[in-house]
């Protein structure tokens, strides 16, 4: 598919025009050169990042926006390669990730206490996820939460269970994967077959280039920028969960902690005896607490990140 230049994408995203200076949109024949280019872009110090972000937020400063975007382009590349097995051109995935980065730069508030890379990682992944889901015919028939979870988690869950082949799953393997993801065995079978059929790391990058995608992959070790951003995102999510849990009453906190936040969840029977209430009452409290927790987390997420639009 055709892509606008990064200059035009930024203009569309942040609603002001650029004087130039951003690299062109990625194309399939130039991925190696693009990666080498973004690797060599200097990193910003925390002080530089803060000053530039303030200029963007208060003055819509174009030059400041370009510098912030450029300094985080390799974070997009590192994140995009997490989706390399989904049968879409890596160039398109990177370009969509760049759009997410541009949205992040537009919305980033440096006074909220976390780095741009942490904030941008959420936007990059959200934008790529939506692009993959809307572009790949595989998931057009099922974009419910369970299908999304299955689509993006199948490879990881298979690896966790020691399933490394791309052929049809055995009945036992299917049952285990379905149990891990809480979806039907039929959904697992269909998704596994489609992923195996449509994903290939041995496709050539372009008609006039015999280089295979496999040879262009970045190292399995995450980039330092991605490691830092992931660590900060995990810390932020932990804080968000802790703050959301604090909005629940003690009994709701106990039930959710014992039922959802431990490797060995307590049964309804266990909690019924411990709390001296019926199993149905425990289930009702758990359900109500989950609703309250979800609403609290959503409110905080929207406060920090805004909506994905």
C-alpha atoms as a PDB file:
ATOM      1  CA  UNK A   1       0.000   0.000   0.000  1.00  0.00           C
ATOM      2  CA  UNK A   2       1.193   3.526  -0.616  1.00  0.00           C
ATOM      3  CA  UNK A   3       2.374   5.584   2.283  1.00  0.00           C
ATOM      4  CA  UNK A   4       2.646   9.330   2.609  1.00  0.00           C
ATOM      5  CA  UNK A   5       5.985  10.695   3.595  1.00  0.00           C
ATOM      6  CA  UNK A   6       6.687  10.992   7.303  1.00  0.00           C
ATOM      7  CA  UNK A   7       6.408  14.747   6.825  1.00  0.00           C
ATOM      8  CA  UNK A   8       2.835  14.447   5.571  1.00  0.00           C
ATOM      9  CA  UNK A   9       1.925  11.862   8.214  1.00  0.00           C
ATOM     10  CA  UNK A  10       3.172  14.142  10.956  1.00  0.00           C
ATOM     11  CA  UNK A  11       1.264  17.058   9.492  1.00  0.00           C
ATOM     12  CA  UNK A  12      -1.943  14.993   9.462  1.00  0.00           C
ATOM     13  CA  UNK A  13      -1.329  13.668  12.935  1.00  0.00           C
ATOM     14  CA  UNK A  14      -0.462  16.818  14.818  1.00  0.00           C
ATOM     15  CA  UNK A  15      -2.428  19.301  12.742  1.00  0.00           C
ATOM     16  CA  UNK A  16       0.443  21.603  11.847  1.00  0.00           C
ATOM     17  CA  UNK A  17       2.754  21.558   8.841  1.00  0.00           C
ATOM     18  CA  UNK A  18       6.433  20.721   8.691  1.00  0.00           C
ATOM     19  CA  UNK A  19       9.299  22.537   7.102  1.00  0.00           C
ATOM     20  CA  UNK A  20      10.993  19.235   6.310  1.00  0.00           C
ATOM     21  CA  UNK A  21      13.751  17.196   7.851  1.00  0.00           C
ATOM     22  CA  UNK A  22      12.044  13.912   8.777  1.00  0.00           C
ATOM     23  CA  UNK A  23      13.138  10.768   6.930  1.00  0.00           C
ATOM     24  CA  UNK A  24      10.886   9.527   4.165  1.00  0.00           C
ATOM     25  CA  UNK A  25       8.366   6.794   4.852  1.00  0.00           C
ATOM     26  CA  UNK A  26       9.873   3.312   4.925  1.00  0.00           C
ATOM     27  CA  UNK A  27       9.748   1.286   1.733  1.00  0.00           C
ATOM     28  CA  UNK A  28      10.409  -2.432   1.373  1.00  0.00           C
ATOM     29  CA  UNK A  29      13.636  -2.001  -0.572  1.00  0.00           C
ATOM     30  CA  UNK A  30      15.211   0.349   1.932  1.00  0.00           C
ATOM     31  CA  UNK A  31      14.672  -1.279   5.319  1.00  0.00           C
ATOM     32  CA  UNK A  32      18.353  -1.982   5.942  1.00  0.00           C
ATOM     33  CA  UNK A  33      19.325   1.600   5.155  1.00  0.00           C
ATOM     34  CA  UNK A  34      16.438   2.936   7.227  1.00  0.00           C
ATOM     35  CA  UNK A  35      17.429   0.854  10.259  1.00  0.00           C
ATOM     36  CA  UNK A  36      21.041   1.956   9.981  1.00  0.00           C
ATOM     37  CA  UNK A  37      19.905   5.563   9.729  1.00  0.00           C
ATOM     38  CA  UNK A  38      17.673   5.526  12.811  1.00  0.00           C
ATOM     39  CA  UNK A  39      20.330   3.677  14.821  1.00  0.00           C
ATOM     40  CA  UNK A  40      22.656   6.604  14.298  1.00  0.00           C
ATOM     41  CA  UNK A  41      20.253   9.329  15.386  1.00  0.00           C
ATOM     42  CA  UNK A  42      21.601  10.833  18.636  1.00  0.00           C
ATOM     43  CA  UNK A  43      19.669  10.234  21.845  1.00  0.00           C
ATOM     44  CA  UNK A  44      18.331  13.148  23.822  1.00  0.00           C
ATOM     45  CA  UNK A  45      19.161  13.790  27.439  1.00  0.00           C
ATOM     46  CA  UNK A  46      16.200  13.932  29.868  1.00  0.00           C
ATOM     47  CA  UNK A  47      16.642  17.687  30.073  1.00  0.00           C
ATOM     48  CA  UNK A  48      16.663  18.094  26.282  1.00  0.00           C
ATOM     49  CA  UNK A  49      13.595  15.887  25.944  1.00  0.00           C
ATOM     50  CA  UNK A  50      11.707  17.850  28.566  1.00  0.00           C
ATOM     51  CA  UNK A  51      12.542  21.227  27.014  1.00  0.00           C
ATOM     52  CA  UNK A  52      11.520  20.063  23.541  1.00  0.00           C
ATOM     53  CA  UNK A  53       8.294  18.495  24.810  1.00  0.00           C
ATOM     54  CA  UNK A  54       7.341  21.748  26.528  1.00  0.00           C
ATOM     55  CA  UNK A  55       7.900  23.616  23.250  1.00  0.00           C
ATOM     56  CA  UNK A  56       5.663  21.163  21.382  1.00  0.00           C
ATOM     57  CA  UNK A  57       2.952  21.256  24.008  1.00  0.00           C
ATOM     58  CA  UNK A  58       2.849  25.017  24.474  1.00  0.00           C
ATOM     59  CA  UNK A  59       3.893  26.367  21.078  1.00  0.00           C
ATOM     60  CA  UNK A  60       3.367  23.531  18.559  1.00  0.00           C
ATOM     61  CA  UNK A  61       7.048  23.938  17.764  1.00  0.00           C
ATOM     62  CA  UNK A  62       7.738  21.968  14.568  1.00  0.00           C
ATOM     63  CA  UNK A  63      11.489  21.716  14.965  1.00  0.00           C
ATOM     64  CA  UNK A  64      11.084  20.424  18.523  1.00  0.00           C
ATOM     65  CA  UNK A  65       8.530  17.846  17.345  1.00  0.00           C
ATOM     66  CA  UNK A  66      10.901  16.590  14.639  1.00  0.00           C
ATOM     67  CA  UNK A  67      13.727  16.148  17.139  1.00  0.00           C
ATOM     68  CA  UNK A  68      11.512  14.207  19.549  1.00  0.00           C
ATOM     69  CA  UNK A  69      10.220  11.955  16.782  1.00  0.00           C
ATOM     70  CA  UNK A  70      13.663  11.290  15.316  1.00  0.00           C
ATOM     71  CA  UNK A  71      15.131  10.397  18.709  1.00  0.00           C
ATOM     72  CA  UNK A  72      12.524   7.630  19.149  1.00  0.00           C
ATOM     73  CA  UNK A  73      12.347   6.177  15.641  1.00  0.00           C
ATOM     74  CA  UNK A  74      14.432   3.144  16.575  1.00  0.00           C
ATOM     75  CA  UNK A  75      11.947   2.324  19.343  1.00  0.00           C
ATOM     76  CA  UNK A  76       9.372   1.993  16.556  1.00  0.00           C
ATOM     77  CA  UNK A  77      11.667  -0.300  14.568  1.00  0.00           C
ATOM     78  CA  UNK A  78      12.350  -2.534  17.569  1.00  0.00           C
ATOM     79  CA  UNK A  79       8.641  -2.744  18.363  1.00  0.00           C
ATOM     80  CA  UNK A  80       7.634  -3.333  14.731  1.00  0.00           C
ATOM     81  CA  UNK A  81       9.842  -6.424  14.497  1.00  0.00           C
ATOM     82  CA  UNK A  82       7.768  -8.035  17.261  1.00  0.00           C
ATOM     83  CA  UNK A  83       5.090  -8.336  14.551  1.00  0.00           C
ATOM     84  CA  UNK A  84       7.380  -9.747  11.856  1.00  0.00           C
ATOM     85  CA  UNK A  85       5.591 -13.114  11.758  1.00  0.00           C
ATOM     86  CA  UNK A  86       2.123 -11.817  10.935  1.00  0.00           C
ATOM     87  CA  UNK A  87       2.454 -11.804   7.156  1.00  0.00           C
ATOM     88  CA  UNK A  88       2.466  -8.031   6.621  1.00  0.00           C
ATOM     89  CA  UNK A  89       5.309  -5.992   5.068  1.00  0.00           C
ATOM     90  CA  UNK A  90       7.602  -4.826   7.849  1.00  0.00           C
ATOM     91  CA  UNK A  91       7.828  -1.475   6.052  1.00  0.00           C
ATOM     92  CA  UNK A  92       4.100  -0.882   6.522  1.00  0.00           C
ATOM     93  CA  UNK A  93       4.267  -1.935  10.166  1.00  0.00           C
ATOM     94  CA  UNK A  94       7.126   0.487  10.833  1.00  0.00           C
ATOM     95  CA  UNK A  95       5.275   3.275   9.038  1.00  0.00           C
ATOM     96  CA  UNK A  96       2.169   2.673  11.158  1.00  0.00           C
ATOM     97  CA  UNK A  97       4.323   2.609  14.280  1.00  0.00           C
ATOM     98  CA  UNK A  98       5.735   5.970  13.233  1.00  0.00           C
ATOM     99  CA  UNK A  99       2.192   7.333  13.113  1.00  0.00           C
ATOM    100  CA  UNK A 100       1.688   6.113  16.671  1.00  0.00           C
ATOM    101  CA  UNK A 101       4.923   7.836  17.690  1.00  0.00           C
ATOM    102  CA  UNK A 102       3.739  11.074  16.090  1.00  0.00           C
ATOM    103  CA  UNK A 103       0.456  10.892  17.988  1.00  0.00           C
ATOM    104  CA  UNK A 104       2.431  10.339  21.189  1.00  0.00           C
ATOM    105  CA  UNK A 105       4.589  13.400  20.562  1.00  0.00           C
ATOM    106  CA  UNK A 106       1.475  15.482  19.986  1.00  0.00           C
ATOM    107  CA  UNK A 107      -0.212  14.334  23.205  1.00  0.00           C
ATOM    108  CA  UNK A 108       2.813  13.903  25.499  1.00  0.00           C
ATOM    109  CA  UNK A 109       2.753  15.930  28.713  1.00  0.00           C
ATOM    110  CA  UNK A 110       6.296  16.085  30.155  1.00  0.00           C
ATOM    111  CA  UNK A 111       4.994  17.166  33.550  1.00  0.00           C
ATOM    112  CA  UNK A 112       3.279  13.844  34.235  1.00  0.00           C
ATOM    113  CA  UNK A 113       6.530  12.288  35.350  1.00  0.00           C
ATOM    114  CA  UNK A 114       7.476   9.636  32.793  1.00  0.00           C
ATOM    115  CA  UNK A 115       9.697   9.593  29.718  1.00  0.00           C
ATOM    116  CA  UNK A 116       8.450  10.045  26.184  1.00  0.00           C
ATOM    117  CA  UNK A 117       9.644   6.535  25.274  1.00  0.00           C
ATOM    118  CA  UNK A 118       7.393   5.014  27.943  1.00  0.00           C
ATOM    119  CA  UNK A 119       4.402   6.997  26.751  1.00  0.00           C
ATOM    120  CA  UNK A 120       5.201   6.475  23.073  1.00  0.00           C
ATOM    121  CA  UNK A 121       5.526   2.701  23.432  1.00  0.00           C
ATOM    122  CA  UNK A 122       1.851   2.470  24.345  1.00  0.00           C
ATOM    123  CA  UNK A 123       0.824   4.525  21.296  1.00  0.00           C
ATOM    124  CA  UNK A 124       3.186   2.663  18.953  1.00  0.00           C
ATOM    125  CA  UNK A 125       1.828  -0.733  19.966  1.00  0.00           C
ATOM    126  CA  UNK A 126      -1.796   0.425  19.952  1.00  0.00           C
ATOM    127  CA  UNK A 127      -1.449   1.844  16.440  1.00  0.00           C
ATOM    128  CA  UNK A 128       0.342  -1.225  15.070  1.00  0.00           C
ATOM    129  CA  UNK A 129      -2.186  -3.566  16.690  1.00  0.00           C
ATOM    130  CA  UNK A 130      -5.096  -1.759  15.068  1.00  0.00           C
ATOM    131  CA  UNK A 131      -3.291  -1.702  11.706  1.00  0.00           C
ATOM    132  CA  UNK A 132      -2.632  -5.442  11.792  1.00  0.00           C
ATOM    133  CA  UNK A 133      -6.182  -6.229  12.856  1.00  0.00           C
ATOM    134  CA  UNK A 134      -7.730  -4.023  10.177  1.00  0.00           C
ATOM    135  CA  UNK A 135      -5.338  -5.046   7.389  1.00  0.00           C
ATOM    136  CA  UNK A 136      -5.007  -8.781   7.743  1.00  0.00           C
ATOM    137  CA  UNK A 137      -7.976 -10.745   6.398  1.00  0.00           C
ATOM    138  CA  UNK A 138      -7.230 -13.320   9.085  1.00  0.00           C
ATOM    139  CA  UNK A 139      -8.889 -11.302  11.804  1.00  0.00           C
ATOM    140  CA  UNK A 140     -11.521  -9.334   9.931  1.00  0.00           C
ATOM    141  CA  UNK A 141     -14.037 -12.021  10.881  1.00  0.00           C
ATOM    142  CA  UNK A 142     -13.245 -11.781  14.565  1.00  0.00           C
ATOM    143  CA  UNK A 143     -12.051  -8.662  16.320  1.00  0.00           C
ATOM    144  CA  UNK A 144     -13.637  -9.387  19.678  1.00  0.00           C
ATOM    145  CA  UNK A 145     -11.396  -9.199  22.725  1.00  0.00           C
ATOM    146  CA  UNK A 146     -10.907 -12.973  22.845  1.00  0.00           C
ATOM    147  CA  UNK A 147      -9.973 -13.119  19.160  1.00  0.00           C
ATOM    148  CA  UNK A 148      -7.528 -10.257  19.531  1.00  0.00           C
ATOM    149  CA  UNK A 149      -5.944 -11.997  22.505  1.00  0.00           C
ATOM    150  CA  UNK A 150      -5.674 -15.242  20.541  1.00  0.00           C
ATOM    151  CA  UNK A 151      -4.232 -13.516  17.474  1.00  0.00           C
ATOM    152  CA  UNK A 152      -1.493 -11.637  19.288  1.00  0.00           C
ATOM    153  CA  UNK A 153      -0.725 -14.314  21.903  1.00  0.00           C
ATOM    154  CA  UNK A 154      -0.803 -17.579  19.961  1.00  0.00           C
ATOM    155  CA  UNK A 155       2.900 -17.703  19.116  1.00  0.00           C
ATOM    156  CA  UNK A 156       3.930 -16.758  22.649  1.00  0.00           C
ATOM    157  CA  UNK A 157       1.636 -19.314  24.280  1.00  0.00           C
ATOM    158  CA  UNK A 158       2.810 -22.049  21.912  1.00  0.00           C
ATOM    159  CA  UNK A 159       6.421 -21.297  22.824  1.00  0.00           C
ATOM    160  CA  UNK A 160       5.548 -21.273  26.517  1.00  0.00           C
ATOM    161  CA  UNK A 161       4.034 -24.744  26.118  1.00  0.00           C
ATOM    162  CA  UNK A 162       7.015 -25.999  24.110  1.00  0.00           C
ATOM    163  CA  UNK A 163       5.118 -26.127  20.797  1.00  0.00           C
ATOM    164  CA  UNK A 164       7.505 -24.939  18.095  1.00  0.00           C
ATOM    165  CA  UNK A 165       6.061 -26.423  14.885  1.00  0.00           C
ATOM    166  CA  UNK A 166       3.683 -24.663  12.464  1.00  0.00           C
ATOM    167  CA  UNK A 167       1.711 -27.743  11.478  1.00  0.00           C
ATOM    168  CA  UNK A 168      -1.711 -28.638  12.849  1.00  0.00           C
ATOM    169  CA  UNK A 169      -1.853 -28.886  16.624  1.00  0.00           C
ATOM    170  CA  UNK A 170      -2.558 -32.212  18.262  1.00  0.00           C
ATOM    171  CA  UNK A 171      -5.803 -32.474  20.269  1.00  0.00           C
ATOM    172  CA  UNK A 172      -3.807 -32.217  23.499  1.00  0.00           C
ATOM    173  CA  UNK A 173      -1.867 -29.168  22.289  1.00  0.00           C
ATOM    174  CA  UNK A 174      -5.081 -27.501  21.127  1.00  0.00           C
ATOM    175  CA  UNK A 175      -6.708 -28.092  24.495  1.00  0.00           C
ATOM    176  CA  UNK A 176      -3.739 -26.607  26.364  1.00  0.00           C
ATOM    177  CA  UNK A 177      -3.584 -23.473  24.173  1.00  0.00           C
ATOM    178  CA  UNK A 178      -7.353 -22.961  24.407  1.00  0.00           C
ATOM    179  CA  UNK A 179      -7.155 -23.264  28.186  1.00  0.00           C
ATOM    180  CA  UNK A 180      -4.323 -20.736  28.432  1.00  0.00           C
ATOM    181  CA  UNK A 181      -6.198 -18.156  26.360  1.00  0.00           C
ATOM    182  CA  UNK A 182      -9.759 -18.972  27.430  1.00  0.00           C
ATOM    183  CA  UNK A 183     -11.022 -19.451  23.878  1.00  0.00           C
ATOM    184  CA  UNK A 184     -12.626 -22.377  22.102  1.00  0.00           C
ATOM    185  CA  UNK A 185     -10.521 -25.194  20.667  1.00  0.00           C
ATOM    186  CA  UNK A 186     -12.104 -24.526  17.247  1.00  0.00           C
ATOM    187  CA  UNK A 187     -10.823 -20.937  17.353  1.00  0.00           C
ATOM    188  CA  UNK A 188      -7.331 -22.154  18.212  1.00  0.00           C
ATOM    189  CA  UNK A 189      -7.306 -24.647  15.326  1.00  0.00           C
ATOM    190  CA  UNK A 190      -8.495 -22.071  12.785  1.00  0.00           C
ATOM    191  CA  UNK A 191      -6.154 -19.319  13.962  1.00  0.00           C
ATOM    192  CA  UNK A 192      -3.136 -21.654  14.033  1.00  0.00           C
ATOM    193  CA  UNK A 193      -3.805 -22.809  10.482  1.00  0.00           C
ATOM    194  CA  UNK A 194      -4.198 -19.263   9.178  1.00  0.00           C
ATOM    195  CA  UNK A 195      -1.055 -18.036  10.943  1.00  0.00           C
ATOM    196  CA  UNK A 196       0.938 -20.962   9.567  1.00  0.00           C
ATOM    197  CA  UNK A 197      -0.423 -20.369   6.065  1.00  0.00           C
ATOM    198  CA  UNK A 198      -0.042 -16.609   5.865  1.00  0.00           C
ATOM    199  CA  UNK A 199       3.178 -16.020   7.817  1.00  0.00           C
ATOM    200  CA  UNK A 200       6.559 -16.488   6.209  1.00  0.00           C
ATOM    201  CA  UNK A 201       9.956 -15.121   7.012  1.00  0.00           C
ATOM    202  CA  UNK A 202      11.364 -16.306   3.693  1.00  0.00           C
ATOM    203  CA  UNK A 203       9.548 -13.889   1.374  1.00  0.00           C
ATOM    204  CA  UNK A 204      11.777 -11.558  -0.614  1.00  0.00           C
ATOM    205  CA  UNK A 205      11.577  -7.934   0.417  1.00  0.00           C
ATOM    206  CA  UNK A 206      10.990  -6.627  -3.101  1.00  0.00           C
ATOM    207  CA  UNK A 207      10.786  -7.905  -6.667  1.00  0.00           C
ATOM    208  CA  UNK A 208      14.201  -6.551  -7.569  1.00  0.00           C
ATOM    209  CA  UNK A 209      15.913  -7.584  -4.351  1.00  0.00           C
ATOM    210  CA  UNK A 210      16.699 -11.208  -3.563  1.00  0.00           C
ATOM    211  CA  UNK A 211      17.341 -10.472   0.089  1.00  0.00           C
ATOM    212  CA  UNK A 212      14.980 -12.498   2.255  1.00  0.00           C
ATOM    213  CA  UNK A 213      13.145 -11.102   5.232  1.00  0.00           C
ATOM    214  CA  UNK A 214      14.899 -13.606   7.488  1.00  0.00           C
ATOM    215  CA  UNK A 215      18.235 -11.975   6.696  1.00  0.00           C
ATOM    216  CA  UNK A 216      16.971  -8.514   7.594  1.00  0.00           C
ATOM    217  CA  UNK A 217      15.738  -9.283  11.079  1.00  0.00           C
ATOM    218  CA  UNK A 218      17.193  -7.350  13.949  1.00  0.00           C
ATOM    219  CA  UNK A 219      18.795  -9.233  16.805  1.00  0.00           C
ATOM    220  CA  UNK A 220      16.498 -11.107  19.205  1.00  0.00           C
ATOM    221  CA  UNK A 221      17.903  -9.067  22.067  1.00  0.00           C
ATOM    222  CA  UNK A 222      15.684  -5.997  22.584  1.00  0.00           C
ATOM    223  CA  UNK A 223      17.193  -2.606  21.922  1.00  0.00           C
ATOM    224  CA  UNK A 224      18.236  -0.637  25.040  1.00  0.00           C
ATOM    225  CA  UNK A 225      15.524   1.931  24.289  1.00  0.00           C
ATOM    226  CA  UNK A 226      12.886  -0.805  24.214  1.00  0.00           C
ATOM    227  CA  UNK A 227      14.175  -2.434  27.414  1.00  0.00           C
ATOM    228  CA  UNK A 228      14.034   0.890  29.244  1.00  0.00           C
ATOM    229  CA  UNK A 229      10.585   1.745  27.893  1.00  0.00           C
ATOM    230  CA  UNK A 230       9.236  -1.704  28.723  1.00  0.00           C
ATOM    231  CA  UNK A 231      10.612  -1.523  32.261  1.00  0.00           C
ATOM    232  CA  UNK A 232       9.066   1.884  32.764  1.00  0.00           C
ATOM    233  CA  UNK A 233       5.754   0.733  31.274  1.00  0.00           C
ATOM    234  CA  UNK A 234       5.655  -2.263  33.620  1.00  0.00           C
ATOM    235  CA  UNK A 235       6.333   0.014  36.586  1.00  0.00           C
ATOM    236  CA  UNK A 236       3.595   2.383  35.416  1.00  0.00           C
ATOM    237  CA  UNK A 237       1.095  -0.457  34.994  1.00  0.00           C
ATOM    238  CA  UNK A 238       1.958  -1.785  38.442  1.00  0.00           C
ATOM    239  CA  UNK A 239       1.307   1.636  39.939  1.00  0.00           C
ATOM    240  CA  UNK A 240      -1.960   1.966  38.002  1.00  0.00           C
ATOM    241  CA  UNK A 241      -3.119  -1.422  39.270  1.00  0.00           C
ATOM    242  CA  UNK A 242      -2.092  -0.626  42.834  1.00  0.00           C
ATOM    243  CA  UNK A 243      -3.946   2.702  42.724  1.00  0.00           C
ATOM    244  CA  UNK A 244      -7.023   1.078  41.189  1.00  0.00           C
ATOM    245  CA  UNK A 245      -7.020  -1.675  43.834  1.00  0.00           C
ATOM    246  CA  UNK A 246      -6.963   1.021  46.512  1.00  0.00           C
ATOM    247  CA  UNK A 247     -10.400   2.198  45.311  1.00  0.00           C
ATOM    248  CA  UNK A 248     -11.927  -1.150  46.345  1.00  0.00           C
ATOM    249  CA  UNK A 249     -13.095  -2.034  49.827  1.00  0.00           C
ATOM    250  CA  UNK A 250     -11.033  -4.542  51.856  1.00  0.00           C
ATOM    251  CA  UNK A 251     -13.227  -7.545  51.034  1.00  0.00           C
ATOM    252  CA  UNK A 252     -13.146  -6.780  47.314  1.00  0.00           C
ATOM    253  CA  UNK A 253      -9.370  -6.376  47.464  1.00  0.00           C
ATOM    254  CA  UNK A 254      -8.985  -9.699  49.242  1.00  0.00           C
ATOM    255  CA  UNK A 255     -11.167 -11.595  46.780  1.00  0.00           C
ATOM    256  CA  UNK A 256      -9.499 -10.129  43.686  1.00  0.00           C
ATOM    257  CA  UNK A 257      -6.025 -10.650  45.103  1.00  0.00           C
ATOM    258  CA  UNK A 258      -6.751 -14.283  45.934  1.00  0.00           C
ATOM    259  CA  UNK A 259      -8.692 -15.007  42.735  1.00  0.00           C
ATOM    260  CA  UNK A 260      -6.865 -12.957  40.064  1.00  0.00           C
ATOM    261  CA  UNK A 261      -3.462 -11.802  41.281  1.00  0.00           C
ATOM    262  CA  UNK A 262      -1.788 -15.024  42.344  1.00  0.00           C
ATOM    263  CA  UNK A 263      -0.282 -17.992  40.531  1.00  0.00           C
ATOM    264  CA  UNK A 264      -2.496 -20.376  42.541  1.00  0.00           C
ATOM    265  CA  UNK A 265      -5.978 -18.802  42.573  1.00  0.00           C
ATOM    266  CA  UNK A 266      -8.284 -19.590  45.457  1.00  0.00           C
ATOM    267  CA  UNK A 267     -11.530 -21.380  44.615  1.00  0.00           C
ATOM    268  CA  UNK A 268     -14.971 -19.999  45.320  1.00  0.00           C
ATOM    269  CA  UNK A 269     -15.301 -22.764  47.908  1.00  0.00           C
ATOM    270  CA  UNK A 270     -12.131 -21.640  49.685  1.00  0.00           C
ATOM    271  CA  UNK A 271     -13.242 -18.031  49.919  1.00  0.00           C
ATOM    272  CA  UNK A 272     -16.791 -18.985  50.823  1.00  0.00           C
ATOM    273  CA  UNK A 273     -15.522 -20.795  53.907  1.00  0.00           C
ATOM    274  CA  UNK A 274     -12.979 -18.092  54.770  1.00  0.00           C
ATOM    275  CA  UNK A 275     -15.446 -15.207  54.470  1.00  0.00           C
ATOM    276  CA  UNK A 276     -18.461 -17.145  55.793  1.00  0.00           C
ATOM    277  CA  UNK A 277     -20.646 -16.279  52.821  1.00  0.00           C
ATOM    278  CA  UNK A 278     -22.088 -18.354  49.971  1.00  0.00           C
ATOM    279  CA  UNK A 279     -20.101 -19.174  46.847  1.00  0.00           C
ATOM    280  CA  UNK A 280     -22.582 -17.143  44.817  1.00  0.00           C
ATOM    281  CA  UNK A 281     -21.986 -14.141  47.060  1.00  0.00           C
ATOM    282  CA  UNK A 282     -18.221 -14.452  46.518  1.00  0.00           C
ATOM    283  CA  UNK A 283     -18.801 -14.613  42.770  1.00  0.00           C
ATOM    284  CA  UNK A 284     -21.018 -11.504  42.892  1.00  0.00           C
ATOM    285  CA  UNK A 285     -18.433  -9.539  44.886  1.00  0.00           C
ATOM    286  CA  UNK A 286     -15.678 -10.622  42.505  1.00  0.00           C
ATOM    287  CA  UNK A 287     -17.723  -9.583  39.470  1.00  0.00           C
ATOM    288  CA  UNK A 288     -18.571  -6.189  40.954  1.00  0.00           C
ATOM    289  CA  UNK A 289     -14.964  -5.609  42.015  1.00  0.00           C
ATOM    290  CA  UNK A 290     -13.702  -6.430  38.513  1.00  0.00           C
ATOM    291  CA  UNK A 291     -16.106  -3.905  37.014  1.00  0.00           C
ATOM    292  CA  UNK A 292     -14.955  -1.223  39.443  1.00  0.00           C
ATOM    293  CA  UNK A 293     -11.297  -2.078  38.845  1.00  0.00           C
ATOM    294  CA  UNK A 294     -11.705  -2.012  35.054  1.00  0.00           C
ATOM    295  CA  UNK A 295     -13.442   1.366  35.138  1.00  0.00           C
ATOM    296  CA  UNK A 296     -10.760   2.799  37.393  1.00  0.00           C
ATOM    297  CA  UNK A 297      -7.948   1.518  35.165  1.00  0.00           C
ATOM    298  CA  UNK A 298      -9.668   2.804  32.022  1.00  0.00           C
ATOM    299  CA  UNK A 299     -10.162   6.228  33.575  1.00  0.00           C
ATOM    300  CA  UNK A 300      -6.512   6.415  34.594  1.00  0.00           C
ATOM    301  CA  UNK A 301      -5.308   5.153  31.202  1.00  0.00           C
ATOM    302  CA  UNK A 302      -7.352   7.799  29.405  1.00  0.00           C
ATOM    303  CA  UNK A 303      -6.035  10.444  31.780  1.00  0.00           C
ATOM    304  CA  UNK A 304      -2.429   9.497  31.087  1.00  0.00           C
ATOM    305  CA  UNK A 305      -2.546   8.496  27.432  1.00  0.00           C
ATOM    306  CA  UNK A 306      -5.745   9.913  26.013  1.00  0.00           C
ATOM    307  CA  UNK A 307      -7.894   7.926  23.595  1.00  0.00           C
ATOM    308  CA  UNK A 308      -6.438   6.192  20.546  1.00  0.00           C
ATOM    309  CA  UNK A 309      -7.737   8.494  17.878  1.00  0.00           C
END
